[in-house]
PDB file of N, CA and C in Angstrom:
ATOM      1  N   HIS A   1     -10.944   8.558  -1.290  1.00  0.00           N
ATOM      2  CA  HIS A   1     -11.830   8.288  -0.111  1.00  0.00           C
ATOM      3  C   HIS A   1     -12.925   7.476   0.130  1.00  0.00           C
ATOM      4  N   ARG A   2     -13.069   6.810   1.154  1.00  0.00           N
ATOM      5  CA  ARG A   2     -14.027   5.623   1.447  1.00  0.00           C
ATOM      6  C   ARG A   2     -14.265   5.512   2.468  1.00  0.00           C
ATOM      7  N   GLY A   3     -15.922   6.460   2.167  1.00  0.00           N
ATOM      8  CA  GLY A   3     -17.246   6.922   3.296  1.00  0.00           C
ATOM      9  C   GLY A   3     -17.766   7.377   2.717  1.00  0.00           C
ATOM     10  N   ASP A   4     -18.290   7.951   3.058  1.00  0.00           N
ATOM     11  CA  ASP A   4     -19.978   8.698   2.332  1.00  0.00           C
ATOM     12  C   ASP A   4     -19.973   9.207   1.247  1.00  0.00           C
ATOM     13  N   GLU A   5     -18.502  10.134   0.873  1.00  0.00           N
ATOM     14  CA  GLU A   5     -18.610  10.559  -0.535  1.00  0.00           C
ATOM     15  C   GLU A   5     -17.579   9.731  -1.026  1.00  0.00           C
ATOM     16  N   PRO A   6     -16.829   8.730  -1.230  1.00  0.00           N
ATOM     17  CA  PRO A   6     -15.705   7.750  -2.122  1.00  0.00           C
ATOM     18  C   PRO A   6     -15.689   8.860  -3.582  1.00  0.00           C
ATOM     19  N   GLY A   7     -14.170   8.710  -3.439  1.00  0.00           N
ATOM     20  CA  GLY A   7     -13.677   8.713  -4.769  1.00  0.00           C
ATOM     21  C   GLY A   7     -11.492   9.195  -4.989  1.00  0.00           C
ATOM     22  N   ILE A   8     -11.204   9.857  -5.897  1.00  0.00           N
ATOM     23  CA  ILE A   8      -9.837  10.132  -5.779  1.00  0.00           C
ATOM     24  C   ILE A   8     -10.143  11.400  -6.116  1.00  0.00           C
ATOM     25  N   VAL A   9      -9.567  11.661  -4.910  1.00  0.00           N
ATOM     26  CA  VAL A   9      -9.715  13.297  -4.563  1.00  0.00           C
ATOM     27  C   VAL A   9      -7.863  13.615  -5.153  1.00  0.00           C
ATOM     28  N   VAL A  10      -7.515  14.690  -5.679  1.00  0.00           N
ATOM     29  CA  VAL A  10      -6.458  15.234  -6.023  1.00  0.00           C
ATOM     30  C   VAL A  10      -6.275  16.356  -5.014  1.00  0.00           C
ATOM     31  N   ARG A  11      -5.104  16.474  -4.328  1.00  0.00           N
ATOM     32  CA  ARG A  11      -4.765  17.517  -4.028  1.00  0.00           C
ATOM     33  C   ARG A  11      -3.726  17.992  -4.134  1.00  0.00           C
ATOM     34  N   VAL A  12      -3.173  19.850  -3.735  1.00  0.00           N
ATOM     35  CA  VAL A  12      -2.243  20.506  -3.750  1.00  0.00           C
ATOM     36  C   VAL A  12      -1.902  20.481  -2.812  1.00  0.00           C
ATOM     37  N   ILE A  13      -0.487  20.725  -1.879  1.00  0.00           N
ATOM     38  CA  ILE A  13      -0.178  21.013  -0.373  1.00  0.00           C
ATOM     39  C   ILE A  13       1.204  21.349  -0.534  1.00  0.00           C
ATOM     40  N   ASP A  14       0.936  22.793   0.471  1.00  0.00           N
ATOM     41  CA  ASP A  14       2.109  22.798   0.426  1.00  0.00           C
ATOM     42  C   ASP A  14       2.363  22.145   2.172  1.00  0.00           C
ATOM     43  N   PHE A  15       3.917  22.140   2.094  1.00  0.00           N
ATOM     44  CA  PHE A  15       4.552  21.146   3.043  1.00  0.00           C
ATOM     45  C   PHE A  15       5.578  22.909   3.901  1.00  0.00           C
ATOM     46  N   THR A  16       5.526  24.291   3.614  1.00  0.00           N
ATOM     47  CA  THR A  16       6.005  25.031   4.048  1.00  0.00           C
ATOM     48  C   THR A  16       6.317  24.937   6.090  1.00  0.00           C
ATOM     49  N   ASP A  17       7.271  25.216   6.415  1.00  0.00           N
ATOM     50  CA  ASP A  17       7.378  24.878   7.937  1.00  0.00           C
ATOM     51  C   ASP A  17       6.320  23.614   8.702  1.00  0.00           C
ATOM     52  N   ASP A  18       6.868  22.749   7.704  1.00  0.00           N
ATOM     53  CA  ASP A  18       6.443  21.329   8.312  1.00  0.00           C
ATOM     54  C   ASP A  18       4.858  21.087   8.561  1.00  0.00           C
ATOM     55  N   LYS A  19       4.644  22.176   7.747  1.00  0.00           N
ATOM     56  CA  LYS A  19       2.827  21.766   8.016  1.00  0.00           C
ATOM     57  C   LYS A  19       1.861  21.254   6.741  1.00  0.00           C
ATOM     58  N   TRP A  20       0.499  20.785   6.998  1.00  0.00           N
ATOM     59  CA  TRP A  20       0.308  20.539   5.696  1.00  0.00           C
ATOM     60  C   TRP A  20      -1.383  21.221   5.305  1.00  0.00           C
ATOM     61  N   ASN A  21      -0.695  21.674   4.371  1.00  0.00           N
ATOM     62  CA  ASN A  21      -1.946  22.936   3.923  1.00  0.00           C
ATOM     63  C   ASN A  21      -2.390  22.812   2.653  1.00  0.00           C
ATOM     64  N   VAL A  22      -3.775  22.138   2.607  1.00  0.00           N
ATOM     65  CA  VAL A  22      -4.444  22.203   1.671  1.00  0.00           C
ATOM     66  C   VAL A  22      -4.664  23.674   0.283  1.00  0.00           C
ATOM     67  N   ILE A  23      -3.808  23.125  -0.841  1.00  0.00           N
ATOM     68  CA  ILE A  23      -3.719  24.941  -1.663  1.00  0.00           C
ATOM     69  C   ILE A  23      -5.195  24.504  -2.390  1.00  0.00           C
ATOM     70  N   ALA A  24      -5.379  23.310  -3.703  1.00  0.00           N
ATOM     71  CA  ALA A  24      -6.580  22.643  -4.311  1.00  0.00           C
ATOM     72  C   ALA A  24      -6.794  21.446  -4.139  1.00  0.00           C
ATOM     73  N   GLU A  25      -8.259  21.403  -4.489  1.00  0.00           N
ATOM     74  CA  GLU A  25      -8.405  19.692  -4.637  1.00  0.00           C
ATOM     75  C   GLU A  25      -9.317  19.817  -5.222  1.00  0.00           C
ATOM     76  N   ASN A  26      -9.670  18.867  -6.110  1.00  0.00           N
ATOM     77  CA  ASN A  26     -10.397  18.142  -7.338  1.00  0.00           C
ATOM     78  C   ASN A  26     -10.673  16.998  -7.103  1.00  0.00           C
ATOM     79  N   ASN A  27     -12.054  16.588  -6.907  1.00  0.00           N
ATOM     80  CA  ASN A  27     -12.507  15.068  -7.411  1.00  0.00           C
ATOM     81  C   ASN A  27     -11.896  14.515  -8.934  1.00  0.00           C
ATOM     82  N   ILE A  28     -11.252  13.823  -8.852  1.00  0.00           N
ATOM     83  CA  ILE A  28     -11.089  13.629 -10.857  1.00  0.00           C
ATOM     84  C   ILE A  28     -11.956  11.857 -10.965  1.00  0.00           C
ATOM     85  N   TRP A  29     -12.477  11.081 -10.194  1.00  0.00           N
ATOM     86  CA  TRP A  29     -13.784  10.255 -10.230  1.00  0.00           C
ATOM     87  C   TRP A  29     -14.405  10.096  -8.952  1.00  0.00           C
ATOM     88  N   GLY A  30     -15.370   9.411  -9.581  1.00  0.00           N
ATOM     89  CA  GLY A  30     -15.983   8.741  -8.282  1.00  0.00           C
ATOM     90  C   GLY A  30     -16.770  10.043  -7.606  1.00  0.00           C
ATOM     91  N   SER A  31     -17.449  10.617  -8.163  1.00  0.00           N
ATOM     92  CA  SER A  31     -18.332  11.762  -7.114  1.00  0.00           C
ATOM     93  C   SER A  31     -19.796  11.299  -6.466  1.00  0.00           C
ATOM     94  N   SER A  32     -20.175   9.770  -7.884  1.00  0.00           N
ATOM     95  CA  SER A  32     -21.539   9.568  -7.227  1.00  0.00           C
ATOM     96  C   SER A  32     -21.652   8.268  -7.587  1.00  0.00           C
ATOM     97  N   ILE A  33     -20.785   7.530  -6.664  1.00  0.00           N
ATOM     98  CA  ILE A  33     -20.326   6.026  -7.202  1.00  0.00           C
ATOM     99  C   ILE A  33     -21.002   5.307  -5.787  1.00  0.00           C
ATOM    100  N   GLY A  34     -21.309   6.328  -4.919  1.00  0.00           N
ATOM    101  CA  GLY A  34     -21.962   6.265  -3.632  1.00  0.00           C
ATOM    102  C   GLY A  34     -21.057   4.864  -2.141  1.00  0.00           C
ATOM    103  N   LYS A  35     -21.198   4.813  -1.436  1.00  0.00           N
ATOM    104  CA  LYS A  35     -20.529   4.251  -0.156  1.00  0.00           C
ATOM    105  C   LYS A  35     -20.034   3.240  -0.342  1.00  0.00           C
ATOM    106  N   GLN A  36     -18.471   3.262  -0.394  1.00  0.00           N
ATOM    107  CA  GLN A  36     -17.574   1.942  -1.035  1.00  0.00           C
ATOM    108  C   GLN A  36     -17.861   0.594   0.500  1.00  0.00           C
ATOM    109  N   VAL A  37     -17.499   1.338   1.716  1.00  0.00           N
ATOM    110  CA  VAL A  37     -17.761   0.432   2.661  1.00  0.00           C
ATOM    111  C   VAL A  37     -18.691   0.785   4.072  1.00  0.00           C
ATOM    112  N   HIS A  38     -18.640  -0.028   4.594  1.00  0.00           N
ATOM    113  CA  HIS A  38     -19.521  -0.013   5.923  1.00  0.00           C
ATOM    114  C   HIS A  38     -19.096  -0.157   7.852  1.00  0.00           C
ATOM    115  N   GLU A  39     -19.341   1.214   8.290  1.00  0.00           N
ATOM    116  CA  GLU A  39     -18.472   0.184   9.524  1.00  0.00           C
ATOM    117  C   GLU A  39     -19.327  -0.327  10.207  1.00  0.00           C
ATOM    118  N   GLY A  40     -18.171  -1.386  11.281  1.00  0.00           N
ATOM    119  CA  GLY A  40     -18.244  -2.699  10.936  1.00  0.00           C
ATOM    120  C   GLY A  40     -18.635  -4.063  10.153  1.00  0.00           C
ATOM    121  N   ASP A  41     -18.218  -3.729   8.661  1.00  0.00           N
ATOM    122  CA  ASP A  41     -17.263  -4.860   7.947  1.00  0.00           C
ATOM    123  C   ASP A  41     -16.015  -5.461   8.556  1.00  0.00           C
ATOM    124  N   SER A  42     -16.621  -6.707   8.470  1.00  0.00           N
ATOM    125  CA  SER A  42     -15.493  -7.372   7.926  1.00  0.00           C
ATOM    126  C   SER A  42     -14.028  -7.035   6.852  1.00  0.00           C
ATOM    127  N   PHE A  43     -12.675  -7.446   6.881  1.00  0.00           N
ATOM    128  CA  PHE A  43     -12.022  -6.959   6.111  1.00  0.00           C
ATOM    129  C   PHE A  43     -12.428  -7.736   4.486  1.00  0.00           C
ATOM    130  N   TYR A  44     -12.710  -9.193   4.843  1.00  0.00           N
ATOM    131  CA  TYR A  44     -13.394  -9.751   3.536  1.00  0.00           C
ATOM    132  C   TYR A  44     -14.551  -8.806   2.931  1.00  0.00           C
ATOM    133  N   ASP A  45     -15.584  -8.712   3.751  1.00  0.00           N
ATOM    134  CA  ASP A  45     -16.546  -7.536   3.129  1.00  0.00           C
ATOM    135  C   ASP A  45     -16.190  -6.457   2.708  1.00  0.00           C
ATOM    136  N   MET A  46     -15.337  -5.704   3.246  1.00  0.00           N
ATOM    137  CA  MET A  46     -15.246  -4.689   2.514  1.00  0.00           C
ATOM    138  C   MET A  46     -14.473  -5.337   1.343  1.00  0.00           C
ATOM    139  N   MET A  47     -13.388  -5.560   1.214  1.00  0.00           N
ATOM    140  CA  MET A  47     -12.710  -6.161  -0.249  1.00  0.00           C
ATOM    141  C   MET A  47     -13.834  -6.405  -1.362  1.00  0.00           C
ATOM    142  N   GLN A  48     -15.040  -7.172  -0.727  1.00  0.00           N
ATOM    143  CA  GLN A  48     -16.092  -7.114  -1.615  1.00  0.00           C
ATOM    144  C   GLN A  48     -16.508  -6.520  -2.310  1.00  0.00           C
ATOM    145  N   ALA A  49     -17.116  -4.976  -1.511  1.00  0.00           N
ATOM    146  CA  ALA A  49     -17.426  -3.514  -1.596  1.00  0.00           C
ATOM    147  C   ALA A  49     -17.040  -2.580  -2.989  1.00  0.00           C
ATOM    148  N   ILE A  50     -15.365  -3.157  -2.679  1.00  0.00           N
ATOM    149  CA  ILE A  50     -14.187  -1.938  -3.312  1.00  0.00           C
ATOM    150  C   ILE A  50     -14.539  -1.795  -4.702  1.00  0.00           C
ATOM    151  N   ARG A  51     -14.538  -0.657  -5.057  1.00  0.00           N
ATOM    152  CA  ARG A  51     -14.558  -0.856  -6.854  1.00  0.00           C
ATOM    153  C   ARG A  51     -13.446   0.425  -7.563  1.00  0.00           C
ATOM    154  N   PHE A  52     -12.527   0.765  -6.868  1.00  0.00           N
ATOM    155  CA  PHE A  52     -11.558   1.494  -7.155  1.00  0.00           C
ATOM    156  C   PHE A  52     -10.560   1.339  -6.223  1.00  0.00           C
ATOM    157  N   GLY A  53      -8.918   1.902  -6.964  1.00  0.00           N
ATOM    158  CA  GLY A  53      -8.009   2.049  -5.666  1.00  0.00           C
ATOM    159  C   GLY A  53      -7.111   2.505  -6.295  1.00  0.00           C
ATOM    160  N   GLN A  54      -5.964   2.557  -5.544  1.00  0.00           N
ATOM    161  CA  GLN A  54      -3.878   2.602  -5.572  1.00  0.00           C
ATOM    162  C   GLN A  54      -4.666   3.416  -6.628  1.00  0.00           C
ATOM    163  N   PRO A  55      -4.207   4.668  -6.666  1.00  0.00           N
ATOM    164  CA  PRO A  55      -4.057   5.643  -6.879  1.00  0.00           C
ATOM    165  C   PRO A  55      -3.137   6.649  -7.199  1.00  0.00           C
ATOM    166  N   SER A  56      -2.316   7.199  -8.224  1.00  0.00           N
ATOM    167  CA  SER A  56      -0.846   7.442  -8.760  1.00  0.00           C
ATOM    168  C   SER A  56      -0.763   8.849  -9.633  1.00  0.00           C
ATOM    169  N   LEU A  57       0.212   9.070  -9.281  1.00  0.00           N
ATOM    170  CA  LEU A  57       0.496  10.576  -9.985  1.00  0.00           C
ATOM    171  C   LEU A  57       1.374  10.357 -10.602  1.00  0.00           C
ATOM    172  N   LEU A  58       2.172  10.961 -12.307  1.00  0.00           N
ATOM    173  CA  LEU A  58       2.742  11.520 -12.393  1.00  0.00           C
ATOM    174  C   LEU A  58       3.675  12.517 -13.523  1.00  0.00           C
ATOM    175  N   LYS A  59       4.021  13.096 -12.928  1.00  0.00           N
ATOM    176  CA  LYS A  59       4.563  14.182 -13.254  1.00  0.00           C
ATOM    177  C   LYS A  59       5.064  14.613 -14.858  1.00  0.00           C
ATOM    178  N   LEU A  60       4.239  14.844 -15.582  1.00  0.00           N
ATOM    179  CA  LEU A  60       4.661  14.985 -16.993  1.00  0.00           C
ATOM    180  C   LEU A  60       5.671  16.607 -17.923  1.00  0.00           C
ATOM    181  N   ASP A  61       6.266  16.199 -18.393  1.00  0.00           N
ATOM    182  CA  ASP A  61       7.436  16.438 -19.161  1.00  0.00           C
ATOM    183  C   ASP A  61       6.278  18.480 -19.143  1.00  0.00           C
ATOM    184  N   ASP A  62       5.501  18.520 -19.729  1.00  0.00           N
ATOM    185  CA  ASP A  62       5.100  20.153 -20.028  1.00  0.00           C
ATOM    186  C   ASP A  62       4.468  20.685 -18.657  1.00  0.00           C
ATOM    187  N   GLY A  63       4.650  19.662 -17.513  1.00  0.00           N
ATOM    188  CA  GLY A  63       3.941  20.401 -16.437  1.00  0.00           C
ATOM    189  C   GLY A  63       2.258  19.992 -16.052  1.00  0.00           C
ATOM    190  N   GLU A  64       1.850  18.856 -16.699  1.00  0.00           N
ATOM    191  CA  GLU A  64       0.806  18.449 -16.741  1.00  0.00           C
ATOM    192  C   GLU A  64       1.358  17.238 -15.238  1.00  0.00           C
ATOM    193  N   VAL A  65      -0.144  16.783 -15.162  1.00  0.00           N
ATOM    194  CA  VAL A  65      -0.043  15.349 -14.236  1.00  0.00           C
ATOM    195  C   VAL A  65      -0.702  14.202 -14.765  1.00  0.00           C
ATOM    196  N   LEU A  66      -0.219  13.127 -14.651  1.00  0.00           N
ATOM    197  CA  LEU A  66      -1.187  11.876 -15.434  1.00  0.00           C
ATOM    198  C   LEU A  66      -1.625  11.675 -14.166  1.00  0.00           C
ATOM    199  N   GLY A  67      -2.889  11.504 -13.713  1.00  0.00           N
ATOM    200  CA  GLY A  67      -3.283  10.834 -12.474  1.00  0.00           C
ATOM    201  C   GLY A  67      -4.234   9.263 -13.351  1.00  0.00           C
ATOM    202  N   PHE A  68      -3.945   8.356 -12.551  1.00  0.00           N
ATOM    203  CA  PHE A  68      -4.296   6.960 -12.881  1.00  0.00           C
ATOM    204  C   PHE A  68      -4.378   6.098 -11.649  1.00  0.00           C
ATOM    205  N   HIS A  69      -5.558   5.334 -11.434  1.00  0.00           N
ATOM    206  CA  HIS A  69      -5.982   4.402 -10.487  1.00  0.00           C
ATOM    207  C   HIS A  69      -7.331   3.275 -11.617  1.00  0.00           C
ATOM    208  N   TRP A  70      -7.292   2.145 -10.915  1.00  0.00           N
ATOM    209  CA  TRP A  70      -8.018   0.965 -10.679  1.00  0.00           C
ATOM    210  C   TRP A  70      -9.575   1.410 -10.649  1.00  0.00           C
ATOM    211  N   ALA A  71     -10.622   0.290 -11.356  1.00  0.00           N
ATOM    212  CA  ALA A  71     -11.767   0.864 -10.919  1.00  0.00           C
ATOM    213  C   ALA A  71     -12.559  -0.120 -11.924  1.00  0.00           C
ATOM    214  N   VAL A  72     -13.664  -0.588 -11.145  1.00  0.00           N
ATOM    215  CA  VAL A  72     -14.971  -1.349 -11.614  1.00  0.00           C
ATOM    216  C   VAL A  72     -15.923  -0.342 -12.662  1.00  0.00           C
ATOM    217  N   VAL A  73     -16.172  -0.587 -14.109  1.00  0.00           N
ATOM    218  CA  VAL A  73     -16.686   0.278 -14.316  1.00  0.00           C
ATOM    219  C   VAL A  73     -17.891  -0.268 -14.875  1.00  0.00           C
ATOM    220  N   ASN A  74     -19.099  -0.399 -15.411  1.00  0.00           N
ATOM    221  CA  ASN A  74     -20.160  -1.366 -15.841  1.00  0.00           C
ATOM    222  C   ASN A  74     -19.500  -2.539 -15.658  1.00  0.00           C
ATOM    223  N   GLY A  75     -18.867  -3.242 -14.812  1.00  0.00           N
ATOM    224  CA  GLY A  75     -18.730  -4.799 -13.907  1.00  0.00           C
ATOM    225  C   GLY A  75     -17.352  -5.108 -14.659  1.00  0.00           C
ATOM    226  N   GLN A  76     -16.654  -4.232 -15.256  1.00  0.00           N
ATOM    227  CA  GLN A  76     -16.035  -4.305 -15.845  1.00  0.00           C
ATOM    228  C   GLN A  76     -14.632  -3.395 -15.355  1.00  0.00           C
ATOM    229  N   GLY A  77     -13.487  -4.481 -14.737  1.00  0.00           N
ATOM    230  CA  GLY A  77     -12.081  -3.976 -14.156  1.00  0.00           C
ATOM    231  C   GLY A  77     -11.145  -3.012 -15.564  1.00  0.00           C
ATOM    232  N   THR A  78     -11.092  -1.745 -15.082  1.00  0.00           N
ATOM    233  CA  THR A  78     -10.068  -1.425 -15.994  1.00  0.00           C
ATOM    234  C   THR A  78      -9.194  -0.932 -15.302  1.00  0.00           C
ATOM    235  N   VAL A  79      -8.215   0.291 -16.175  1.00  0.00           N
ATOM    236  CA  VAL A  79      -7.493   1.280 -15.589  1.00  0.00           C
ATOM    237  C   VAL A  79      -7.724   2.552 -15.918  1.00  0.00           C
ATOM    238  N   LEU A  80      -7.753   3.019 -14.967  1.00  0.00           N
ATOM    239  CA  LEU A  80      -8.323   5.162 -15.756  1.00  0.00           C
ATOM    240  C   LEU A  80      -6.904   5.897 -15.153  1.00  0.00           C
ATOM    241  N   ALA A  81      -7.236   6.194 -17.044  1.00  0.00           N
ATOM    242  CA  ALA A  81      -6.208   7.700 -16.274  1.00  0.00           C
ATOM    243  C   ALA A  81      -7.466   9.046 -16.963  1.00  0.00           C
ATOM    244  N   HIS A  82      -6.173  10.194 -16.340  1.00  0.00           N
ATOM    245  CA  HIS A  82      -6.605  11.528 -16.178  1.00  0.00           C
ATOM    246  C   HIS A  82      -5.419  12.174 -16.124  1.00  0.00           C
ATOM    247  N   ARG A  83      -5.337  13.085 -17.689  1.00  0.00           N
ATOM    248  CA  ARG A  83      -4.696  14.137 -17.509  1.00  0.00           C
ATOM    249  C   ARG A  83      -5.477  15.180 -16.667  1.00  0.00           C
ATOM    250  N   LEU A  84      -4.146  15.696 -15.830  1.00  0.00           N
ATOM    251  CA  LEU A  84      -3.991  17.406 -15.391  1.00  0.00           C
ATOM    252  C   LEU A  84      -3.509  18.364 -15.573  1.00  0.00           C
ATOM    253  N   LYS A  85      -4.084  19.613 -15.609  1.00  0.00           N
ATOM    254  CA  LYS A  85      -3.622  20.876 -15.087  1.00  0.00           C
ATOM    255  C   LYS A  85      -3.214  21.562 -14.102  1.00  0.00           C
ATOM    256  N   LEU A  86      -2.171  21.919 -13.376  1.00  0.00           N
ATOM    257  CA  LEU A  86      -2.225  22.526 -12.615  1.00  0.00           C
ATOM    258  C   LEU A  86      -2.264  24.307 -13.105  1.00  0.00           C
ATOM    259  N   SER A  87      -3.132  24.905 -12.243  1.00  0.00           N
ATOM    260  CA  SER A  87      -2.928  25.871 -12.848  1.00  0.00           C
ATOM    261  C   SER A  87      -2.704  27.286 -11.618  1.00  0.00           C
ATOM    262  N   ASN A  88      -2.008  27.816 -11.960  1.00  0.00           N
ATOM    263  CA  ASN A  88      -1.336  28.625 -10.156  1.00  0.00           C
ATOM    264  C   ASN A  88      -2.353  29.871 -10.331  1.00  0.00           C
TER     265      ASN A  88
END
């Protein structure tokens, strides 16, 4: 999400009958980093403000999920990983 509450959110979705139904969601990073973009910003200005992106998920053999993305933390660009466990 890049708006009033930016962050990386993982959602478990049910696509039964071609409908999008959110079963669960969890903000895994960035819940207090502040607004990243502002309405009316040029593309150049927007890209200067972005501090995280490109989230991806990888299902692991043990049923857990590895989530990873890039972010700027304390002025340093880095790749962060989050090991996630889905519960029933």
